[in-house]
Amino acid sequence: MSLARLPKVELHLHLEGAAPPAFIRGLAAEKGLDISHIFTPQGGYEYRDFLHFLDIYEAATSVLQSPEDFARLVEAVLAESAACGVIYSEAFLSPDFCGGRDLGAWREYVAAMREAAARAEATHGITLRGVITAIRHFGAEKARETALCAQESAGDFITGFGIAGDENAGELVDFAYAFDMAREAGLGLTAHAGEWRGPEEVRAALEHLRVSRIGHGVRAAEDPALVAELAARGTVLEICPGSNVTLGAYPSFAAHPIGPLREAGVAVTVSTDDPPFFHTDMVREYAALAEAFGWQEADFAALNRTAAAAAFCDEATRAKILKKLEKSHV
């Protein structure tokens, strides 16, 4: 089984968090910005814990200051994803970092990223769709502004809406209005929940935000009734095992609940979250899961079919992705 060549679908990727450290260092040097404190001596990103990770993430993002910067970022990230066999990717895009939620500026950023994605698709064969993402710890009012940006740019490139950030900031019910705005625009809905808070946070996402997908959602494994409900609903979990292990949510891949959740009938997918921060990529994720759970090529093919079915894209794009997945197993 060649894990590198296996075509993959990734649903949970933060665009800025996927920025290669060398790309960020180079951009900072071009702009005369000193962000040397965010890097290890070996050149990777350096942080102590999850909250410090958020600080370092925002410091790295601070060098991205124009639509052209984000266009270059899209091409750099998609080149790395494609090298790992990813054929379809959904990236979380935050208007907070793209013009400060100003609608006029946001349209310019979206246009630049869309054009860059088209170039990457022509060059590498990878398709990108954007999931507009509110930052939880920025508060509910700013989330509504983010939702307005999502409404204004919804279409064949911007196809989803979600929320990320510090899970302990506020309550998900506070963001229900923003999600209603996105739902009215026809966007697919997802929410980071159950990464740090317990199963009750996953329930809150289902009840108050009415999402079809949950980012992470792994703490649901602690509540058998919730696991059964997720399986019955067909709610898809965007699981990022390497992220969870690196940040200390679980001590190892073998101890990670993705295996038991899948065995219980929950629809699970595999993603990298913020790959350079967590020293991972899709090939490494697959290899670690194969070692931990004995998964074979057929298991990963099933995971990718689940991800393709759950993707926030039009049916023509979905059919194209499924065809690529099927061809690899003929």
Protein backbone atom coordinates (compact mmCIF):
# COMPACT_ATOMS: atom_id res chain seq x y z
CA MET A 1 0.00 0.00 0.00
CA SER A 2 1.48 3.32 -1.09
CA LEU A 3 0.06 5.88 1.32
CA ALA A 4 1.71 8.73 -0.56
CA ARG A 5 0.01 7.90 -3.86
CA LEU A 6 -3.39 7.13 -2.35
CA PRO A 7 -5.78 9.97 -3.34
CA LYS A 8 -7.06 11.81 -0.31
CA VAL A 9 -9.84 14.21 0.67
CA GLU A 10 -9.11 16.67 3.49
CA LEU A 11 -11.95 18.60 5.12
CA HIS A 12 -10.28 20.27 8.12
CA LEU A 13 -7.35 22.53 7.23
CA HIS A 14 -6.71 26.06 8.48
CA LEU A 15 -5.19 27.99 5.60
CA GLU A 16 -2.95 30.21 7.73
CA GLY A 17 -2.12 27.29 10.02
CA ALA A 18 -0.92 25.31 7.02
CA ALA A 19 1.59 28.00 6.02
CA PRO A 20 5.06 26.44 5.69
CA PRO A 21 7.40 28.09 8.23
CA ALA A 22 9.89 28.92 5.46
CA PHE A 23 7.13 30.72 3.56
CA ILE A 24 6.24 32.84 6.62
CA ARG A 25 9.91 33.58 7.38
CA GLY A 26 10.50 34.63 3.81
CA LEU A 27 7.44 36.87 3.72
CA ALA A 28 8.44 38.47 7.03
CA ALA A 29 11.92 39.16 5.65
CA GLU A 30 10.42 40.80 2.55
CA LYS A 31 8.41 43.11 4.78
CA GLY A 32 11.18 43.79 7.29
CA LEU A 33 9.20 42.19 10.14
CA ASP A 34 10.92 40.45 13.05
CA ILE A 35 8.92 37.41 14.14
CA SER A 36 11.93 35.28 14.99
CA HIS A 37 10.45 34.54 18.44
CA ILE A 38 7.80 32.23 16.92
CA PHE A 39 10.34 29.76 15.48
CA THR A 40 12.46 27.00 16.98
CA PRO A 41 16.21 26.97 16.30
CA GLN A 42 15.46 24.26 13.72
CA GLY A 43 13.05 26.58 11.90
CA GLY A 44 9.68 25.18 12.94
CA TYR A 45 6.93 26.93 14.89
CA GLU A 46 7.45 27.05 18.66
CA TYR A 47 4.67 27.08 21.27
CA ARG A 48 4.05 25.75 24.79
CA ASP A 49 0.38 24.76 24.83
CA PHE A 50 -2.88 25.33 22.99
CA LEU A 51 -3.42 28.93 24.09
CA HIS A 52 0.20 29.81 23.27
CA PHE A 53 -0.30 28.04 19.94
CA LEU A 54 -3.16 30.48 19.20
CA ASP A 55 -0.83 33.40 19.98
CA ILE A 56 1.92 32.05 17.71
CA TYR A 57 -0.66 31.32 15.01
CA GLU A 58 -1.83 34.93 15.05
CA ALA A 59 1.77 36.20 15.06
CA ALA A 60 2.53 34.11 11.97
CA THR A 61 -0.65 35.35 10.32
CA SER A 62 0.36 38.96 10.98
CA VAL A 63 2.81 38.89 8.05
CA LEU A 64 -0.04 38.09 5.65
CA GLN A 65 -1.16 41.60 4.82
CA SER A 66 -2.59 41.68 1.31
CA PRO A 67 -4.64 39.67 -1.19
CA GLU A 68 -1.40 38.86 -3.03
CA ASP A 69 0.11 37.45 0.18
CA PHE A 70 -2.88 35.14 0.58
CA ALA A 71 -2.74 34.13 -3.07
CA ARG A 72 0.87 33.08 -2.63
CA LEU A 73 -0.10 31.26 0.56
CA VAL A 74 -2.85 29.31 -1.21
CA GLU A 75 -0.43 28.13 -3.89
CA ALA A 76 2.23 27.16 -1.32
CA VAL A 77 -0.23 25.22 0.83
CA LEU A 78 -1.91 23.43 -2.07
CA ALA A 79 1.44 22.41 -3.54
CA GLU A 80 2.33 20.70 -0.27
CA SER A 81 -1.10 19.06 0.05
CA ALA A 82 -1.00 17.77 -3.51
CA ALA A 83 2.45 16.28 -2.89
CA CYS A 84 0.79 14.15 -0.19
CA GLY A 85 -1.90 12.91 -2.56
CA VAL A 86 -4.68 15.30 -1.59
CA ILE A 87 -7.07 15.77 -4.53
CA TYR A 88 -9.72 17.85 -2.76
CA SER A 89 -9.26 20.17 0.19
CA GLU A 90 -11.44 22.49 2.21
CA ALA A 91 -9.62 25.30 3.97
CA PHE A 92 -10.88 27.49 6.78
CA LEU A 93 -10.64 31.13 5.70
CA SER A 94 -11.04 33.95 8.22
CA PRO A 95 -12.18 37.44 7.15
CA ASP A 96 -10.68 38.57 10.48
CA PHE A 97 -7.25 38.03 8.91
CA CYS A 98 -8.29 39.21 5.44
CA GLY A 99 -9.12 42.88 5.70
CA GLY A 100 -10.59 42.86 9.20
CA ARG A 101 -14.05 41.73 8.05
CA ASP A 102 -14.43 44.75 5.74
CA LEU A 103 -16.67 43.59 2.88
CA GLY A 104 -14.84 45.49 0.15
CA ALA A 105 -11.45 44.22 1.22
CA TRP A 106 -12.79 40.71 1.76
CA ARG A 107 -14.01 40.51 -1.84
CA GLU A 108 -10.50 41.34 -3.03
CA TYR A 109 -8.99 38.64 -0.84
CA VAL A 110 -11.51 36.05 -2.03
CA ALA A 111 -10.86 36.91 -5.68
CA ALA A 112 -7.10 36.53 -5.18
CA MET A 113 -7.42 33.22 -3.34
CA ARG A 114 -9.87 31.86 -5.88
CA GLU A 115 -7.52 32.68 -8.77
CA ALA A 116 -4.61 31.09 -6.90
CA ALA A 117 -6.69 27.96 -6.27
CA ALA A 118 -7.48 27.74 -9.98
CA ARG A 119 -3.77 27.96 -10.81
CA ALA A 120 -2.99 25.24 -8.29
CA GLU A 121 -5.73 23.01 -9.69
CA ALA A 122 -4.33 23.43 -13.21
CA THR A 123 -0.80 22.68 -12.00
CA HIS A 124 -1.34 20.02 -9.34
CA GLY A 125 -4.84 18.65 -9.92
CA ILE A 126 -6.03 19.61 -6.44
CA THR A 127 -9.41 21.28 -5.91
CA LEU A 128 -9.92 23.83 -3.12
CA ARG A 129 -13.11 25.11 -1.53
CA GLY A 130 -13.29 27.74 1.23
CA VAL A 131 -15.09 27.48 4.56
CA ILE A 132 -15.50 30.93 6.11
CA THR A 133 -14.62 30.72 9.78
CA ALA A 134 -15.57 32.91 12.71
CA ILE A 135 -13.01 33.14 15.51
CA ARG A 136 -14.74 32.14 18.72
CA HIS A 137 -12.61 34.14 21.12
CA PHE A 138 -13.22 37.30 19.08
CA GLY A 139 -16.87 37.22 20.20
CA ALA A 140 -20.37 36.83 18.80
CA GLU A 141 -20.70 40.32 17.30
CA LYS A 142 -17.60 39.89 15.14
CA ALA A 143 -18.90 36.45 14.19
CA ARG A 144 -21.99 38.14 12.72
CA GLU A 145 -19.72 40.39 10.66
CA THR A 146 -17.89 37.28 9.50
CA ALA A 147 -21.20 35.67 8.58
CA LEU A 148 -22.08 38.73 6.49
CA CYS A 149 -18.81 38.28 4.60
CA ALA A 150 -19.80 34.64 4.09
CA GLN A 151 -23.23 35.61 2.79
CA GLU A 152 -21.73 38.10 0.34
CA SER A 153 -19.20 35.64 -1.07
CA ALA A 154 -21.16 32.36 -1.01
CA GLY A 155 -20.93 30.50 -4.30
CA ASP A 156 -18.94 27.83 -6.06
CA PHE A 157 -15.67 28.66 -4.25
CA ILE A 158 -16.92 29.76 -0.81
CA THR A 159 -19.13 26.85 0.15
CA GLY A 160 -19.11 26.54 3.95
CA PHE A 161 -19.18 28.35 7.27
CA GLY A 162 -17.77 27.39 10.65
CA ILE A 163 -16.25 28.52 13.93
CA ALA A 164 -12.81 27.90 15.41
CA GLY A 165 -10.57 29.36 18.10
CA ASP A 166 -10.58 29.00 21.88
CA GLU A 167 -13.32 26.50 22.70
CA ASN A 168 -13.55 27.82 26.26
CA ALA A 169 -14.52 31.33 25.11
CA GLY A 170 -18.25 31.92 25.42
CA GLU A 171 -20.99 29.45 24.56
CA LEU A 172 -21.94 28.13 21.13
CA VAL A 173 -25.52 29.30 21.55
CA ASP A 174 -24.14 32.86 21.37
CA PHE A 175 -23.17 32.20 17.75
CA ALA A 176 -26.50 30.77 16.58
CA TYR A 177 -27.50 33.96 14.76
CA ALA A 178 -24.29 33.97 12.72
CA PHE A 179 -24.91 30.37 11.74
CA ASP A 180 -28.50 31.17 10.79
CA MET A 181 -27.13 33.87 8.47
CA ALA A 182 -24.80 31.37 6.84
CA ARG A 183 -27.56 28.76 6.55
CA GLU A 184 -29.76 31.26 4.73
CA ALA A 185 -26.94 31.75 2.23
CA GLY A 186 -26.95 28.02 1.47
CA LEU A 187 -23.56 27.33 3.03
CA GLY A 188 -22.57 24.00 4.57
CA LEU A 189 -22.10 24.25 8.33
CA THR A 190 -19.40 22.91 10.63
CA ALA A 191 -18.12 23.85 14.08
CA HIS A 192 -15.05 23.10 16.15
CA ALA A 193 -16.46 21.36 19.23
CA GLY A 194 -15.44 18.59 21.57
CA GLU A 195 -11.72 19.05 21.18
CA TRP A 196 -11.13 20.47 24.67
CA ARG A 197 -14.58 20.73 26.21
CA GLY A 198 -16.48 17.51 26.76
CA PRO A 199 -19.37 15.79 24.99
CA GLU A 200 -21.76 18.55 26.01
CA GLU A 201 -20.01 20.89 23.59
CA VAL A 202 -20.71 18.54 20.71
CA ARG A 203 -24.35 18.43 21.76
CA ALA A 204 -24.40 22.24 21.83
CA ALA A 205 -23.11 22.37 18.26
CA LEU A 206 -25.83 19.98 17.11
CA GLU A 207 -28.61 21.69 19.03
CA HIS A 208 -27.80 25.38 18.68
CA LEU A 209 -25.83 25.57 15.42
CA ARG A 210 -27.46 22.63 13.60
CA VAL A 211 -24.30 21.62 11.81
CA SER A 212 -23.80 18.60 9.57
CA ARG A 213 -20.13 18.27 10.48
CA ILE A 214 -18.13 18.68 13.69
CA GLY A 215 -14.50 19.78 13.73
CA HIS A 216 -12.65 17.34 15.99
CA GLY A 217 -15.60 16.10 18.10
CA VAL A 218 -13.42 13.46 19.71
CA ARG A 219 -14.65 14.07 23.26
CA ALA A 220 -17.99 12.65 22.12
CA ALA A 221 -16.39 9.24 22.66
CA GLU A 222 -16.87 9.74 26.40
CA ASP A 223 -20.68 9.63 26.06
CA PRO A 224 -22.03 6.37 24.55
CA ALA A 225 -25.48 7.87 24.03
CA LEU A 226 -23.98 10.75 22.07
CA VAL A 227 -21.86 8.36 20.01
CA ALA A 228 -25.02 6.45 19.09
CA GLU A 229 -26.77 9.72 18.21
CA LEU A 230 -23.91 10.85 15.98
CA ALA A 231 -23.98 7.51 14.19
CA ALA A 232 -27.75 7.66 13.73
CA ARG A 233 -27.67 11.26 12.48
CA GLY A 234 -24.78 10.62 10.10
CA THR A 235 -22.95 13.61 11.55
CA VAL A 236 -19.44 13.68 10.15
CA LEU A 237 -16.47 14.23 12.44
CA GLU A 238 -13.47 16.03 10.94
CA ILE A 239 -10.86 14.31 13.09
CA CYS A 240 -7.23 15.45 13.25
CA PRO A 241 -5.42 12.74 15.25
CA GLY A 242 -1.91 14.18 14.95
CA SER A 243 -3.10 17.55 16.17
CA ASN A 244 -4.83 15.97 19.17
CA VAL A 245 -1.76 13.93 20.08
CA THR A 246 0.72 16.79 19.65
CA LEU A 247 -1.38 19.15 21.77
CA GLY A 248 -1.73 16.52 24.50
CA ALA A 249 -5.44 15.73 24.24
CA TYR A 250 -4.42 12.05 23.88
CA PRO A 251 -1.07 10.42 24.67
CA SER A 252 -0.73 8.49 21.40
CA PHE A 253 -2.44 7.48 18.18
CA ALA A 254 -3.22 4.09 19.73
CA ALA A 255 -5.07 5.84 22.56
CA HIS A 256 -6.98 8.13 20.20
CA PRO A 257 -10.74 7.51 19.97
CA ILE A 258 -10.96 7.66 16.16
CA GLY A 259 -10.78 3.87 16.02
CA PRO A 260 -13.56 3.18 18.55
CA LEU A 261 -15.71 5.96 17.06
CA ARG A 262 -15.43 4.42 13.61
CA GLU A 263 -16.20 0.95 14.97
CA ALA A 264 -19.33 2.41 16.62
CA GLY A 265 -20.61 3.55 13.23
CA VAL A 266 -19.72 7.25 13.46
CA ALA A 267 -18.77 8.85 10.15
CA VAL A 268 -15.14 9.89 10.67
CA THR A 269 -12.66 11.58 8.36
CA VAL A 270 -8.94 12.36 8.69
CA SER A 271 -7.30 15.77 8.36
CA THR A 272 -4.16 17.58 9.49
CA ASP A 273 -5.60 20.78 11.06
CA ASP A 274 -2.43 22.96 11.08
CA PRO A 275 0.16 20.55 9.68
CA PRO A 276 3.49 22.39 10.13
CA PHE A 277 2.56 23.32 13.69
CA PHE A 278 1.93 19.66 14.50
CA HIS A 279 4.80 18.17 12.44
CA THR A 280 2.43 16.21 10.26
CA ASP A 281 0.93 15.82 6.80
CA MET A 282 -1.70 13.50 5.35
CA VAL A 283 0.79 10.74 4.59
CA ARG A 284 2.11 10.78 8.15
CA GLU A 285 -1.45 10.75 9.53
CA TYR A 286 -2.32 7.70 7.45
CA ALA A 287 0.88 5.90 8.37
CA ALA A 288 0.33 6.47 12.09
CA LEU A 289 -3.29 5.29 11.85
CA ALA A 290 -2.26 2.19 9.90
CA GLU A 291 0.24 1.34 12.63
CA ALA A 292 -2.14 2.10 15.51
CA PHE A 293 -5.28 0.39 14.21
CA GLY A 294 -4.09 -1.92 11.46
CA TRP A 295 -6.04 -0.02 8.84
CA GLN A 296 -5.42 -1.05 5.25
CA GLU A 297 -5.92 0.66 1.90
CA ALA A 298 -9.62 -0.31 1.88
CA ASP A 299 -10.12 1.44 5.22
CA PHE A 300 -8.55 4.66 3.96
CA ALA A 301 -10.55 4.43 0.74
CA ALA A 302 -13.74 4.23 2.83
CA LEU A 303 -12.66 7.23 4.90
CA ASN A 304 -12.10 9.24 1.73
CA ARG A 305 -15.49 8.27 0.32
CA THR A 306 -17.05 9.47 3.58
CA ALA A 307 -15.16 12.75 3.29
CA ALA A 308 -16.16 13.21 -0.35
CA ALA A 309 -19.82 12.61 0.50
CA ALA A 310 -19.61 15.19 3.29
CA ALA A 311 -17.71 17.81 1.30
CA PHE A 312 -19.24 21.27 0.95
CA CYS A 313 -19.22 21.31 -2.84
CA ASP A 314 -21.61 21.06 -5.76
CA GLU A 315 -22.60 17.64 -7.08
CA ALA A 316 -20.51 17.94 -10.26
CA THR A 317 -17.37 18.52 -8.16
CA ARG A 318 -18.32 15.67 -5.83
CA ALA A 319 -18.76 13.32 -8.78
CA LYS A 320 -15.35 14.33 -10.13
CA ILE A 321 -13.68 13.66 -6.77
CA LEU A 322 -15.44 10.30 -6.33
CA LYS A 323 -14.36 9.28 -9.83
CA LYS A 324 -10.73 10.02 -8.95
CA LEU A 325 -11.09 7.96 -5.77
CA GLU A 326 -12.64 5.05 -7.65
CA LYS A 327 -9.98 5.04 -10.36
CA SER A 328 -7.25 4.51 -7.79
CA HIS A 329 -8.83 1.20 -6.72
CA VAL A 330 -9.56 -0.26 -10.14
